[in-house]
Amino acid sequence: MAFAWKAAGISYNRYISVASRVVRRSLKEEKRIAAEKRGESDLRFAKWENGKQGEVKNLTDANAAADAQSASS
């Protein structure tokens, strides 16, 4: 028997994301705010060249800048 998320054609990560969002929204206001703060994530990266770490950048900001640059080209 297939899992429901597989039958729906979505990945496990997407399934967990949707399920956790539903649970957070069902909580009372005080608990919901605390749960939403725990659910936030911030992804950062740095490019390494010649054994030295470059500038640390936020992935969301870097993607937005790359999209803007490709749209203007």
C-alpha atoms as a PDB file:
ATOM      1  CA  MET A   1       0.000   0.000   0.000  1.00  0.00           C
ATOM      2  CA  ALA A   2       1.420   3.375  -1.015  1.00  0.00           C
ATOM      3  CA  PHE A   3       1.728   6.278   1.339  1.00  0.00           C
ATOM      4  CA  ALA A   4      -0.836   9.072   0.894  1.00  0.00           C
ATOM      5  CA  TRP A   5       1.827  11.635  -0.011  1.00  0.00           C
ATOM      6  CA  LYS A   6       3.238   9.337  -2.698  1.00  0.00           C
ATOM      7  CA  ALA A   7      -0.223   8.703  -4.121  1.00  0.00           C
ATOM      8  CA  ALA A   8      -0.812  12.480  -4.217  1.00  0.00           C
ATOM      9  CA  GLY A   9       2.395  12.897  -6.231  1.00  0.00           C
ATOM     10  CA  ILE A  10       4.281  15.097  -3.761  1.00  0.00           C
ATOM     11  CA  SER A  11       7.614  14.638  -2.015  1.00  0.00           C
ATOM     12  CA  TYR A  12       7.909  13.673   1.627  1.00  0.00           C
ATOM     13  CA  ASN A  13       9.445  17.053   2.464  1.00  0.00           C
ATOM     14  CA  ARG A  14       6.497  18.877   0.877  1.00  0.00           C
ATOM     15  CA  TYR A  15       4.064  16.605   2.739  1.00  0.00           C
ATOM     16  CA  ILE A  16       5.738  17.341   6.087  1.00  0.00           C
ATOM     17  CA  SER A  17       5.747  21.071   5.311  1.00  0.00           C
ATOM     18  CA  VAL A  18       2.009  21.092   4.591  1.00  0.00           C
ATOM     19  CA  ALA A  19       1.207  18.938   7.619  1.00  0.00           C
ATOM     20  CA  SER A  20       3.246  21.094  10.005  1.00  0.00           C
ATOM     21  CA  ARG A  21       1.648  24.278   8.643  1.00  0.00           C
ATOM     22  CA  VAL A  22      -1.825  22.803   9.235  1.00  0.00           C
ATOM     23  CA  VAL A  23      -0.931  21.833  12.806  1.00  0.00           C
ATOM     24  CA  ARG A  24       0.536  25.290  13.552  1.00  0.00           C
ATOM     25  CA  ARG A  25      -2.561  27.045  12.214  1.00  0.00           C
ATOM     26  CA  SER A  26      -4.834  24.900  14.383  1.00  0.00           C
ATOM     27  CA  LEU A  27      -3.174  26.004  17.633  1.00  0.00           C
ATOM     28  CA  LYS A  28      -4.459  28.759  19.900  1.00  0.00           C
ATOM     29  CA  GLU A  29      -2.924  32.193  19.314  1.00  0.00           C
ATOM     30  CA  GLU A  30      -0.248  32.105  22.037  1.00  0.00           C
ATOM     31  CA  LYS A  31       1.015  28.615  21.190  1.00  0.00           C
ATOM     32  CA  ARG A  32       0.696  29.254  17.428  1.00  0.00           C
ATOM     33  CA  ILE A  33       3.047  32.252  17.544  1.00  0.00           C
ATOM     34  CA  ALA A  34       5.676  30.255  19.444  1.00  0.00           C
ATOM     35  CA  ALA A  35       5.337  27.322  17.012  1.00  0.00           C
ATOM     36  CA  GLU A  36       5.620  29.572  13.951  1.00  0.00           C
ATOM     37  CA  LYS A  37       8.872  31.031  15.284  1.00  0.00           C
ATOM     38  CA  ARG A  38      10.301  27.504  15.628  1.00  0.00           C
ATOM     39  CA  GLY A  39       9.183  26.687  12.090  1.00  0.00           C
ATOM     40  CA  GLU A  40      11.198  29.481  10.475  1.00  0.00           C
ATOM     41  CA  SER A  41      14.533  28.620   8.962  1.00  0.00           C
ATOM     42  CA  ASP A  42      17.344  30.711   7.611  1.00  0.00           C
ATOM     43  CA  LEU A  43      19.739  29.225   5.098  1.00  0.00           C
ATOM     44  CA  ARG A  44      23.126  30.823   4.545  1.00  0.00           C
ATOM     45  CA  PHE A  45      26.080  29.876   2.399  1.00  0.00           C
ATOM     46  CA  ALA A  46      29.600  30.983   1.597  1.00  0.00           C
ATOM     47  CA  LYS A  47      31.750  30.318  -1.443  1.00  0.00           C
ATOM     48  CA  TRP A  48      35.228  28.978  -0.701  1.00  0.00           C
ATOM     49  CA  GLU A  49      38.180  29.811  -2.950  1.00  0.00           C
ATOM     50  CA  ASN A  50      41.811  28.844  -2.401  1.00  0.00           C
ATOM     51  CA  GLY A  51      41.049  27.563   1.101  1.00  0.00           C
ATOM     52  CA  LYS A  52      39.451  30.837   2.256  1.00  0.00           C
ATOM     53  CA  GLN A  53      35.819  31.418   3.050  1.00  0.00           C
ATOM     54  CA  GLY A  54      34.118  34.188   1.103  1.00  0.00           C
ATOM     55  CA  GLU A  55      31.269  36.407   2.212  1.00  0.00           C
ATOM     56  CA  VAL A  56      28.401  34.625   4.001  1.00  0.00           C
ATOM     57  CA  LYS A  57      25.129  35.287   2.184  1.00  0.00           C
ATOM     58  CA  ASN A  58      21.481  34.564   2.888  1.00  0.00           C
ATOM     59  CA  LEU A  59      20.177  32.055   0.333  1.00  0.00           C
ATOM     60  CA  THR A  60      16.804  33.821  -0.110  1.00  0.00           C
ATOM     61  CA  ASP A  61      18.473  37.167  -0.815  1.00  0.00           C
ATOM     62  CA  ALA A  62      21.009  35.584  -3.193  1.00  0.00           C
ATOM     63  CA  ASN A  63      18.242  33.814  -5.140  1.00  0.00           C
ATOM     64  CA  ALA A  64      16.234  37.032  -5.433  1.00  0.00           C
ATOM     65  CA  ALA A  65      19.296  38.909  -6.709  1.00  0.00           C
ATOM     66  CA  ALA A  66      20.073  36.165  -9.234  1.00  0.00           C
ATOM     67  CA  ASP A  67      16.470  36.157 -10.475  1.00  0.00           C
ATOM     68  CA  ALA A  68      16.505  39.942 -10.866  1.00  0.00           C
ATOM     69  CA  GLN A  69      19.794  39.794 -12.742  1.00  0.00           C
ATOM     70  CA  SER A  70      18.586  37.047 -15.103  1.00  0.00           C
ATOM     71  CA  ALA A  71      15.307  38.898 -15.736  1.00  0.00           C
ATOM     72  CA  SER A  72      17.171  42.067 -16.734  1.00  0.00           C
ATOM     73  CA  SER A  73      19.456  40.151 -19.151  1.00  0.00           C
END
